Protein backbone atom coordinates (compact mmCIF):
# COMPACT_ATOMS: atom_id res chain seq x y z
CA MET A 1 13.50 -0.45 -9.39
CA LYS A 2 11.27 1.12 -12.19
CA PHE A 3 9.76 4.23 -11.79
CA GLU A 4 6.24 2.81 -12.91
CA ASP A 5 6.47 -0.02 -10.36
CA ARG A 6 7.22 2.52 -7.46
CA LEU A 7 4.59 4.66 -8.52
CA ALA A 8 2.16 1.84 -8.46
CA HIS A 9 3.20 0.56 -4.68
CA ARG A 10 2.41 4.24 -3.90
CA ALA A 11 -1.04 4.15 -5.24
CA ARG A 12 -1.92 0.64 -4.10
CA ALA A 13 -0.90 1.86 -0.24
CA THR A 14 -3.11 4.93 -0.93
CA ARG A 15 -5.48 3.31 -2.17
CA GLY A 16 -5.64 1.04 0.66
CA ARG A 17 -5.67 3.88 3.13
CA VAL A 18 -8.70 5.21 1.48
CA ARG A 19 -10.61 2.22 1.53
CA LYS A 20 -9.77 1.88 5.32
CA ILE A 21 -10.80 5.39 6.27
CA LEU A 22 -14.12 4.68 3.80
CA GLY A 23 -15.14 1.27 5.52
CA ARG A 24 -14.05 3.34 8.91
CA THR A 25 -16.44 5.80 8.19
CA THR A 26 -19.17 3.53 7.02
CA GLY A 27 -19.08 1.03 9.57
CA ASN A 28 -18.17 -1.53 6.84
CA SER A 29 -15.64 -3.79 8.82
CA ARG A 30 -14.96 -5.95 5.24
CA LEU A 31 -14.26 -2.66 3.52
CA GLU A 32 -11.95 -1.68 6.25
CA ALA A 33 -10.07 -4.90 6.92
CA THR A 34 -9.59 -4.97 2.78
CA GLY A 35 -8.31 -1.75 2.90
CA ARG A 36 -5.61 -2.04 5.56
CA ARG A 37 -4.63 -5.35 3.92
CA GLU A 38 -4.01 -3.50 0.59
CA GLN A 39 -2.34 -0.54 2.89
CA VAL A 40 0.02 -2.87 4.27
CA ARG A 41 0.74 -4.82 1.12
CA GLY A 42 1.66 -1.49 -0.85
CA ASN A 43 4.00 -0.42 2.16
CA LEU A 44 5.74 -3.82 2.36
CA GLU A 45 6.46 -3.89 -1.71
CA ARG A 46 7.80 -0.18 -1.20
CA ALA A 47 9.90 -1.60 1.77
CA ALA A 48 11.30 -4.41 -0.57
CA ASP A 49 12.09 -1.87 -3.23
CA LYS A 50 14.03 0.54 -0.81
CA LEU A 51 16.13 -2.53 0.61
CA ARG A 52 16.95 -3.78 -2.85
CA ASP A 53 18.33 -0.50 -3.96
CA ALA A 54 20.37 -0.12 -0.78
CA PHE A 55 21.80 -3.55 -2.04
CA ARG A 56 22.54 -2.26 -5.21
CA ARG A 57 24.49 0.56 -4.38
C-alpha cells in the first residue's frame, strides 16, 4: 500500500475523531454521528491495509 494512502486513511480517522468530539461538545448529534462514521471508515481502511500487507509478505 502506498504511503499516501496510509496517510489519507489515518487523516480520515483523525478528522472523524475531531468531528465526533466537536459534535459531542456542542451537542450537535448529526456532527457527532458523521464524525463517528468517518472515524470508523478510516480505521477500517487502515485495518484492510494491514491485512493486505500481512498476506503480501
